[in-house]
Amino acid sequence: MSKQDRIGAQLAGAMVFPALFVALLWLIKLTEIYFDLDFSDYGIVPRHLIGLRGILFAPLIHQDFTHLISNSLPLLLLGALLFYVYPKSAKEVLIGIYLISGLWVWAGARVAFHFGASGLVYGIASFLFFSGIIRREKVSVSIAMLVVLFYGSLVWGLFPIIPNMSWESHLYGGVAGAMCAWLYRHSDHKKAEVDPASLRDAVEADYLPWNQFDGPEGNPLPPPPPPVEEPPVVVYYTFVPKKESE
């Protein structure tokens, strides 16, 4: 498999979970419309016991199709980036943002029905952004710049500007994403794909420093050979005094 085919397969795999989650959101909304139901009662009601169920159900509920569409595309794009760049920790990060932000909304938001997946969108965007700042790796920084470029305007959703908008979900989701970025800062580091034989030859030819691939998750190299001690240079000479001319 060529490099392009491998990247394409990884991108396709990264789209699976976000696409399934978005499909679930649409299925729930269509079910609500078809059977003339109202799922808004399953939102988070802060500091009420019945509102605790909203921690699980609130991100699955949307007020209307405009609300659902506004969350669907960011979930697909940001979710695909999350699973492509951080495949090992993506599911744990997603579950952490989902539950932590919901619990914080229940504990500290205004008393109202809070529902929608926008807190999850803010959490993923925050995770991708702060992971680039914390890790300072080329790929992570590039993804963070893309998030700022395309979704930088999300920052306005952190403030109580628009009436009837759960800015608390956005804020707590963003904080949860930043916290996960710190907690998982050592996950998903890429290992150097180097053939051991060619690497050994390069080192022996003095093309690479010994510590270039050394590290906790890199390819540690064997210790360098002990230096060969050269014998000291001894110069022998004979002193012949100059004869005095008669």
C-alpha atoms as a PDB file:
ATOM      1  CA  MET A   1       0.000   0.000   0.000  1.00  0.00           C
ATOM      2  CA  SER A   2       1.364   3.378  -1.000  1.00  0.00           C
ATOM      3  CA  LYS A   3       1.603   6.305   1.381  1.00  0.00           C
ATOM      4  CA  GLN A   4      -1.331   8.072  -0.293  1.00  0.00           C
ATOM      5  CA  ASP A   5      -3.510   4.962  -0.014  1.00  0.00           C
ATOM      6  CA  ARG A   6      -2.578   4.565   3.654  1.00  0.00           C
ATOM      7  CA  ILE A   7      -3.472   8.194   4.408  1.00  0.00           C
ATOM      8  CA  GLY A   8      -6.760   7.820   2.553  1.00  0.00           C
ATOM      9  CA  ALA A   9      -7.632   4.697   4.528  1.00  0.00           C
ATOM     10  CA  GLN A  10      -6.792   6.445   7.801  1.00  0.00           C
ATOM     11  CA  LEU A  11      -8.965   9.441   6.889  1.00  0.00           C
ATOM     12  CA  ALA A  12     -11.852   7.163   5.962  1.00  0.00           C
ATOM     13  CA  GLY A  13     -11.476   5.307   9.252  1.00  0.00           C
ATOM     14  CA  ALA A  14     -11.361   8.583  11.185  1.00  0.00           C
ATOM     15  CA  MET A  15     -14.715   9.590   9.673  1.00  0.00           C
ATOM     16  CA  VAL A  16     -16.575   6.476  10.842  1.00  0.00           C
ATOM     17  CA  PHE A  17     -17.282   7.320  14.489  1.00  0.00           C
ATOM     18  CA  PRO A  18     -18.178  11.015  13.915  1.00  0.00           C
ATOM     19  CA  ALA A  19     -20.446  10.036  10.994  1.00  0.00           C
ATOM     20  CA  LEU A  20     -22.238   7.421  13.091  1.00  0.00           C
ATOM     21  CA  PHE A  21     -22.730   9.892  15.940  1.00  0.00           C
ATOM     22  CA  VAL A  22     -24.137  12.566  13.601  1.00  0.00           C
ATOM     23  CA  ALA A  23     -26.394   9.948  11.997  1.00  0.00           C
ATOM     24  CA  LEU A  24     -27.701   9.102  15.473  1.00  0.00           C
ATOM     25  CA  LEU A  25     -28.502  12.776  16.097  1.00  0.00           C
ATOM     26  CA  TRP A  26     -30.496  12.954  12.860  1.00  0.00           C
ATOM     27  CA  LEU A  27     -32.289   9.704  13.605  1.00  0.00           C
ATOM     28  CA  ILE A  28     -33.361  11.022  17.011  1.00  0.00           C
ATOM     29  CA  LYS A  29     -34.608  14.295  15.515  1.00  0.00           C
ATOM     30  CA  LEU A  30     -36.507  12.556  12.720  1.00  0.00           C
ATOM     31  CA  THR A  31     -38.063  10.190  15.255  1.00  0.00           C
ATOM     32  CA  GLU A  32     -39.139  13.161  17.347  1.00  0.00           C
ATOM     33  CA  ILE A  33     -40.735  14.837  14.330  1.00  0.00           C
ATOM     34  CA  TYR A  34     -42.378  11.702  12.905  1.00  0.00           C
ATOM     35  CA  PHE A  35     -44.007  10.600  16.142  1.00  0.00           C
ATOM     36  CA  ASP A  36     -44.769  14.170  17.268  1.00  0.00           C
ATOM     37  CA  LEU A  37     -42.648  13.878  20.402  1.00  0.00           C
ATOM     38  CA  ASP A  38     -40.754  16.418  22.478  1.00  0.00           C
ATOM     39  CA  PHE A  39     -37.426  15.271  23.898  1.00  0.00           C
ATOM     40  CA  SER A  40     -36.456  18.652  25.354  1.00  0.00           C
ATOM     41  CA  ASP A  41     -37.524  17.444  28.811  1.00  0.00           C
ATOM     42  CA  TYR A  42     -34.457  15.172  28.711  1.00  0.00           C
ATOM     43  CA  GLY A  43     -32.112  18.152  28.733  1.00  0.00           C
ATOM     44  CA  ILE A  44     -29.929  19.109  31.668  1.00  0.00           C
ATOM     45  CA  VAL A  45     -31.772  20.947  34.448  1.00  0.00           C
ATOM     46  CA  PRO A  46     -29.036  22.327  36.723  1.00  0.00           C
ATOM     47  CA  ARG A  47     -29.107  21.268  40.376  1.00  0.00           C
ATOM     48  CA  HIS A  48     -32.264  19.177  40.000  1.00  0.00           C
ATOM     49  CA  LEU A  49     -32.070  15.409  40.383  1.00  0.00           C
ATOM     50  CA  ILE A  50     -34.236  14.800  37.340  1.00  0.00           C
ATOM     51  CA  GLY A  51     -31.833  16.949  35.348  1.00  0.00           C
ATOM     52  CA  LEU A  52     -28.985  14.496  35.915  1.00  0.00           C
ATOM     53  CA  ARG A  53     -30.315  12.315  33.109  1.00  0.00           C
ATOM     54  CA  GLY A  54     -29.556  15.164  30.761  1.00  0.00           C
ATOM     55  CA  ILE A  55     -25.819  14.536  31.203  1.00  0.00           C
ATOM     56  CA  LEU A  56     -26.338  11.464  28.996  1.00  0.00           C
ATOM     57  CA  PHE A  57     -29.214  12.621  26.776  1.00  0.00           C
ATOM     58  CA  ALA A  58     -28.825  16.402  26.348  1.00  0.00           C
ATOM     59  CA  PRO A  59     -26.138  16.296  23.594  1.00  0.00           C
ATOM     60  CA  LEU A  60     -28.450  14.049  21.536  1.00  0.00           C
ATOM     61  CA  ILE A  61     -31.381  16.503  21.537  1.00  0.00           C
ATOM     62  CA  HIS A  62     -31.785  19.583  19.328  1.00  0.00           C
ATOM     63  CA  GLN A  63     -34.441  22.250  19.204  1.00  0.00           C
ATOM     64  CA  ASP A  64     -34.933  22.230  15.424  1.00  0.00           C
ATOM     65  CA  PHE A  65     -33.175  21.363  12.181  1.00  0.00           C
ATOM     66  CA  THR A  66     -31.290  24.679  12.152  1.00  0.00           C
ATOM     67  CA  HIS A  67     -29.837  23.816  15.552  1.00  0.00           C
ATOM     68  CA  LEU A  68     -29.002  20.295  14.367  1.00  0.00           C
ATOM     69  CA  ILE A  69     -27.376  21.382  11.093  1.00  0.00           C
ATOM     70  CA  SER A  70     -25.236  23.986  12.873  1.00  0.00           C
ATOM     71  CA  ASN A  71     -23.750  21.212  15.028  1.00  0.00           C
ATOM     72  CA  SER A  72     -23.581  18.407  12.452  1.00  0.00           C
ATOM     73  CA  LEU A  73     -20.874  19.799  10.156  1.00  0.00           C
ATOM     74  CA  PRO A  74     -18.471  20.835  12.952  1.00  0.00           C
ATOM     75  CA  LEU A  75     -18.924  17.445  14.603  1.00  0.00           C
ATOM     76  CA  LEU A  76     -18.031  15.701  11.347  1.00  0.00           C
ATOM     77  CA  LEU A  77     -14.983  17.833  10.538  1.00  0.00           C
ATOM     78  CA  LEU A  78     -13.571  18.318  14.035  1.00  0.00           C
ATOM     79  CA  GLY A  79     -14.392  14.739  14.981  1.00  0.00           C
ATOM     80  CA  ALA A  80     -12.572  13.414  11.916  1.00  0.00           C
ATOM     81  CA  LEU A  81      -9.509  15.513  12.795  1.00  0.00           C
ATOM     82  CA  LEU A  82      -9.644  14.234  16.367  1.00  0.00           C
ATOM     83  CA  PHE A  83      -9.741  10.567  15.326  1.00  0.00           C
ATOM     84  CA  TYR A  84      -7.162  11.034  12.555  1.00  0.00           C
ATOM     85  CA  VAL A  85      -4.493  12.885  14.552  1.00  0.00           C
ATOM     86  CA  TYR A  86      -5.129  11.318  17.971  1.00  0.00           C
ATOM     87  CA  PRO A  87      -6.533   7.828  17.228  1.00  0.00           C
ATOM     88  CA  LYS A  88      -5.435   6.230  20.517  1.00  0.00           C
ATOM     89  CA  SER A  89      -6.987   8.781  22.841  1.00  0.00           C
ATOM     90  CA  ALA A  90      -9.875  10.080  20.682  1.00  0.00           C
ATOM     91  CA  LYS A  91     -12.651   7.960  22.206  1.00  0.00           C
ATOM     92  CA  GLU A  92     -11.521   8.622  25.768  1.00  0.00           C
ATOM     93  CA  VAL A  93     -11.279  12.347  25.073  1.00  0.00           C
ATOM     94  CA  LEU A  94     -14.723  12.391  23.487  1.00  0.00           C
ATOM     95  CA  ILE A  95     -16.311  10.529  26.402  1.00  0.00           C
ATOM     96  CA  GLY A  96     -14.488  12.743  28.904  1.00  0.00           C
ATOM     97  CA  ILE A  97     -15.699  15.963  27.269  1.00  0.00           C
ATOM     98  CA  TYR A  98     -19.219  14.533  26.957  1.00  0.00           C
ATOM     99  CA  LEU A  99     -19.561  13.628  30.626  1.00  0.00           C
ATOM    100  CA  ILE A 100     -17.454  16.309  32.323  1.00  0.00           C
ATOM    101  CA  SER A 101     -19.032  19.230  30.484  1.00  0.00           C
ATOM    102  CA  GLY A 102     -22.509  17.848  31.191  1.00  0.00           C
ATOM    103  CA  LEU A 103     -21.760  17.447  34.888  1.00  0.00           C
ATOM    104  CA  TRP A 104     -20.396  20.987  35.109  1.00  0.00           C
ATOM    105  CA  VAL A 105     -23.451  22.383  33.328  1.00  0.00           C
ATOM    106  CA  TRP A 106     -25.695  20.567  35.834  1.00  0.00           C
ATOM    107  CA  ALA A 107     -23.653  21.940  38.736  1.00  0.00           C
ATOM    108  CA  GLY A 108     -23.098  25.527  37.628  1.00  0.00           C
ATOM    109  CA  ALA A 109     -25.375  26.679  34.801  1.00  0.00           C
ATOM    110  CA  ARG A 110     -28.613  28.673  34.930  1.00  0.00           C
ATOM    111  CA  VAL A 111     -31.743  26.775  35.874  1.00  0.00           C
ATOM    112  CA  ALA A 112     -33.223  25.961  32.475  1.00  0.00           C
ATOM    113  CA  PHE A 113     -33.313  23.115  29.981  1.00  0.00           C
ATOM    114  CA  HIS A 114     -29.859  22.826  28.392  1.00  0.00           C
ATOM    115  CA  PHE A 115     -29.566  20.532  25.379  1.00  0.00           C
ATOM    116  CA  GLY A 116     -27.650  20.233  22.109  1.00  0.00           C
ATOM    117  CA  ALA A 117     -24.242  18.970  21.012  1.00  0.00           C
ATOM    118  CA  SER A 118     -22.618  22.397  20.807  1.00  0.00           C
ATOM    119  CA  GLY A 119     -20.782  21.824  24.086  1.00  0.00           C
ATOM    120  CA  LEU A 120     -19.200  18.776  22.487  1.00  0.00           C
ATOM    121  CA  VAL A 121     -18.208  20.855  19.454  1.00  0.00           C
ATOM    122  CA  TYR A 122     -16.521  23.406  21.703  1.00  0.00           C
ATOM    123  CA  GLY A 123     -14.804  20.648  23.652  1.00  0.00           C
ATOM    124  CA  ILE A 124     -13.296  19.004  20.552  1.00  0.00           C
ATOM    125  CA  ALA A 125     -12.209  22.346  19.100  1.00  0.00           C
ATOM    126  CA  SER A 126     -10.619  23.291  22.414  1.00  0.00           C
ATOM    127  CA  PHE A 127      -8.825  19.949  22.650  1.00  0.00           C
ATOM    128  CA  LEU A 128      -7.369  20.281  19.146  1.00  0.00           C
ATOM    129  CA  PHE A 129      -6.303  23.882  19.766  1.00  0.00           C
ATOM    130  CA  PHE A 130      -4.675  23.391  23.153  1.00  0.00           C
ATOM    131  CA  SER A 131      -3.049  20.118  22.094  1.00  0.00           C
ATOM    132  CA  GLY A 132      -1.132  22.089  19.474  1.00  0.00           C
ATOM    133  CA  ILE A 133      -0.033  24.639  22.079  1.00  0.00           C
ATOM    134  CA  ILE A 134       0.962  22.029  24.659  1.00  0.00           C
ATOM    135  CA  ARG A 135       2.609  19.442  22.396  1.00  0.00           C
ATOM    136  CA  ARG A 136       4.291  21.852  19.940  1.00  0.00           C
ATOM    137  CA  GLU A 137       4.501  19.114  17.341  1.00  0.00           C
ATOM    138  CA  LYS A 138       4.287  19.986  13.666  1.00  0.00           C
ATOM    139  CA  VAL A 139       1.017  18.130  13.025  1.00  0.00           C
ATOM    140  CA  SER A 140      -0.634  19.279  16.272  1.00  0.00           C
ATOM    141  CA  VAL A 141       0.282  22.918  15.664  1.00  0.00           C
ATOM    142  CA  SER A 142      -1.021  22.726  12.081  1.00  0.00           C
ATOM    143  CA  ILE A 143      -4.356  21.338  13.270  1.00  0.00           C
ATOM    144  CA  ALA A 144      -4.586  24.044  15.950  1.00  0.00           C
ATOM    145  CA  MET A 145      -4.060  26.709  13.278  1.00  0.00           C
ATOM    146  CA  LEU A 146      -6.804  25.171  11.132  1.00  0.00           C
ATOM    147  CA  VAL A 147      -9.189  25.252  14.094  1.00  0.00           C
ATOM    148  CA  VAL A 148      -8.434  28.934  14.667  1.00  0.00           C
ATOM    149  CA  LEU A 149      -8.810  29.695  10.950  1.00  0.00           C
ATOM    150  CA  PHE A 150     -12.164  27.985  10.428  1.00  0.00           C
ATOM    151  CA  TYR A 151     -13.710  28.024  13.906  1.00  0.00           C
ATOM    152  CA  GLY A 152     -12.107  30.980  15.620  1.00  0.00           C
ATOM    153  CA  SER A 153     -15.475  32.721  15.755  1.00  0.00           C
ATOM    154  CA  LEU A 154     -16.648  30.089  18.242  1.00  0.00           C
ATOM    155  CA  VAL A 155     -15.055  32.197  20.945  1.00  0.00           C
ATOM    156  CA  TRP A 156     -18.101  34.524  20.898  1.00  0.00           C
ATOM    157  CA  GLY A 157     -20.280  31.630  21.995  1.00  0.00           C
ATOM    158  CA  LEU A 158     -18.469  31.580  25.336  1.00  0.00           C
ATOM    159  CA  PHE A 159     -20.241  34.768  26.426  1.00  0.00           C
ATOM    160  CA  PRO A 160     -23.917  35.399  27.281  1.00  0.00           C
ATOM    161  CA  ILE A 161     -24.587  37.424  24.144  1.00  0.00           C
ATOM    162  CA  ILE A 162     -27.384  35.547  22.362  1.00  0.00           C
ATOM    163  CA  PRO A 163     -30.602  35.012  24.359  1.00  0.00           C
ATOM    164  CA  ASN A 164     -31.759  31.429  24.926  1.00  0.00           C
ATOM    165  CA  MET A 165     -28.298  30.082  24.038  1.00  0.00           C
ATOM    166  CA  SER A 166     -26.562  27.796  26.510  1.00  0.00           C
ATOM    167  CA  TRP A 167     -23.249  29.637  26.637  1.00  0.00           C
ATOM    168  CA  GLU A 168     -22.468  27.649  29.803  1.00  0.00           C
ATOM    169  CA  SER A 169     -22.374  24.432  27.731  1.00  0.00           C
ATOM    170  CA  HIS A 170     -19.910  26.092  25.356  1.00  0.00           C
ATOM    171  CA  LEU A 171     -17.744  27.372  28.197  1.00  0.00           C
ATOM    172  CA  TYR A 172     -17.663  24.149  30.182  1.00  0.00           C
ATOM    173  CA  GLY A 173     -17.136  22.111  27.022  1.00  0.00           C
ATOM    174  CA  GLY A 174     -14.163  24.286  26.090  1.00  0.00           C
ATOM    175  CA  VAL A 175     -12.653  23.983  29.566  1.00  0.00           C
ATOM    176  CA  ALA A 176     -13.149  20.203  29.511  1.00  0.00           C
ATOM    177  CA  GLY A 177     -11.414  20.026  26.127  1.00  0.00           C
ATOM    178  CA  ALA A 178      -8.456  22.042  27.378  1.00  0.00           C
ATOM    179  CA  MET A 179      -8.197  19.821  30.454  1.00  0.00           C
ATOM    180  CA  CYS A 180      -8.200  16.690  28.286  1.00  0.00           C
ATOM    181  CA  ALA A 181      -5.496  18.220  26.098  1.00  0.00           C
ATOM    182  CA  TRP A 182      -3.286  18.461  29.176  1.00  0.00           C
ATOM    183  CA  LEU A 183      -4.178  15.041  30.553  1.00  0.00           C
ATOM    184  CA  TYR A 184      -3.516  13.302  27.220  1.00  0.00           C
ATOM    185  CA  ARG A 185      -0.500  15.373  26.208  1.00  0.00           C
ATOM    186  CA  HIS A 186       1.749  12.293  26.138  1.00  0.00           C
ATOM    187  CA  SER A 187      -0.601  10.142  24.029  1.00  0.00           C
ATOM    188  CA  ASP A 188      -0.463   9.514  20.284  1.00  0.00           C
ATOM    189  CA  HIS A 189       3.135  10.550  19.761  1.00  0.00           C
ATOM    190  CA  LYS A 190       4.319   9.309  16.387  1.00  0.00           C
ATOM    191  CA  LYS A 191       7.182   6.843  16.409  1.00  0.00           C
ATOM    192  CA  ALA A 192       9.891   7.281  13.846  1.00  0.00           C
ATOM    193  CA  GLU A 193       9.533   4.700  11.093  1.00  0.00           C
ATOM    194  CA  VAL A 194      13.171   3.849  10.433  1.00  0.00           C
ATOM    195  CA  ASP A 195      14.662   0.641   9.175  1.00  0.00           C
ATOM    196  CA  PRO A 196      17.089  -0.583  11.870  1.00  0.00           C
ATOM    197  CA  ALA A 197      19.712  -1.684   9.346  1.00  0.00           C
ATOM    198  CA  SER A 198      19.759   1.631   7.489  1.00  0.00           C
ATOM    199  CA  LEU A 199      19.740   3.519  10.782  1.00  0.00           C
ATOM    200  CA  ARG A 200      22.715   1.531  12.033  1.00  0.00           C
ATOM    201  CA  ASP A 201      24.605   2.167   8.798  1.00  0.00           C
ATOM    202  CA  ALA A 202      23.835   5.884   9.015  1.00  0.00           C
ATOM    203  CA  VAL A 203      25.088   6.068  12.573  1.00  0.00           C
ATOM    204  CA  GLU A 204      28.227   4.166  11.737  1.00  0.00           C
ATOM    205  CA  ALA A 205      28.840   6.578   8.887  1.00  0.00           C
ATOM    206  CA  ASP A 206      28.376   9.441  11.358  1.00  0.00           C
ATOM    207  CA  TYR A 207      25.348  10.806   9.472  1.00  0.00           C
ATOM    208  CA  LEU A 208      23.121  10.968  12.570  1.00  0.00           C
ATOM    209  CA  PRO A 209      23.707  11.984  16.172  1.00  0.00           C
ATOM    210  CA  TRP A 210      23.243   9.264  18.750  1.00  0.00           C
ATOM    211  CA  ASN A 211      20.296  10.874  20.474  1.00  0.00           C
ATOM    212  CA  GLN A 212      18.233  11.786  17.392  1.00  0.00           C
ATOM    213  CA  PHE A 213      15.667   9.002  17.880  1.00  0.00           C
ATOM    214  CA  ASP A 214      16.171   8.571  21.592  1.00  0.00           C
ATOM    215  CA  GLY A 215      13.205   9.194  23.836  1.00  0.00           C
ATOM    216  CA  PRO A 216      10.406   7.602  25.866  1.00  0.00           C
ATOM    217  CA  GLU A 217       8.409   6.627  22.776  1.00  0.00           C
ATOM    218  CA  GLY A 218      11.003   6.891  20.069  1.00  0.00           C
ATOM    219  CA  ASN A 219      13.458   4.324  18.780  1.00  0.00           C
ATOM    220  CA  PRO A 220      16.223   4.183  21.389  1.00  0.00           C
ATOM    221  CA  LEU A 221      19.594   3.396  19.956  1.00  0.00           C
ATOM    222  CA  PRO A 222      22.270   1.196  21.466  1.00  0.00           C
ATOM    223  CA  PRO A 223      24.971   3.000  23.389  1.00  0.00           C
ATOM    224  CA  PRO A 224      27.840   4.262  21.241  1.00  0.00           C
ATOM    225  CA  PRO A 225      30.970   2.151  21.111  1.00  0.00           C
ATOM    226  CA  PRO A 226      33.739   3.167  23.486  1.00  0.00           C
ATOM    227  CA  PRO A 227      36.263   5.513  21.955  1.00  0.00           C
ATOM    228  CA  VAL A 228      39.388   3.913  20.606  1.00  0.00           C
ATOM    229  CA  GLU A 229      42.415   5.236  22.410  1.00  0.00           C
ATOM    230  CA  GLU A 230      45.148   6.148  19.997  1.00  0.00           C
ATOM    231  CA  PRO A 231      48.701   5.443  21.151  1.00  0.00           C
ATOM    232  CA  PRO A 232      50.627   8.567  22.028  1.00  0.00           C
ATOM    233  CA  VAL A 233      52.817  10.003  19.324  1.00  0.00           C
ATOM    234  CA  VAL A 234      56.513   9.724  20.261  1.00  0.00           C
ATOM    235  CA  VAL A 235      59.063  11.742  18.403  1.00  0.00           C
ATOM    236  CA  TYR A 236      62.662  10.617  18.561  1.00  0.00           C
ATOM    237  CA  TYR A 237      65.376  13.070  17.667  1.00  0.00           C
ATOM    238  CA  THR A 238      69.145  13.343  18.019  1.00  0.00           C
ATOM    239  CA  PHE A 239      70.865  16.523  19.023  1.00  0.00           C
ATOM    240  CA  VAL A 240      74.087  17.168  17.209  1.00  0.00           C
ATOM    241  CA  PRO A 241      75.998  20.185  18.488  1.00  0.00           C
ATOM    242  CA  LYS A 242      77.326  22.536  15.915  1.00  0.00           C
ATOM    243  CA  LYS A 243      81.038  22.365  15.527  1.00  0.00           C
ATOM    244  CA  GLU A 244      82.892  25.543  16.136  1.00  0.00           C
ATOM    245  CA  SER A 245      84.856  26.688  13.125  1.00  0.00           C
ATOM    246  CA  GLU A 246      88.549  26.817  13.661  1.00  0.00           C
END
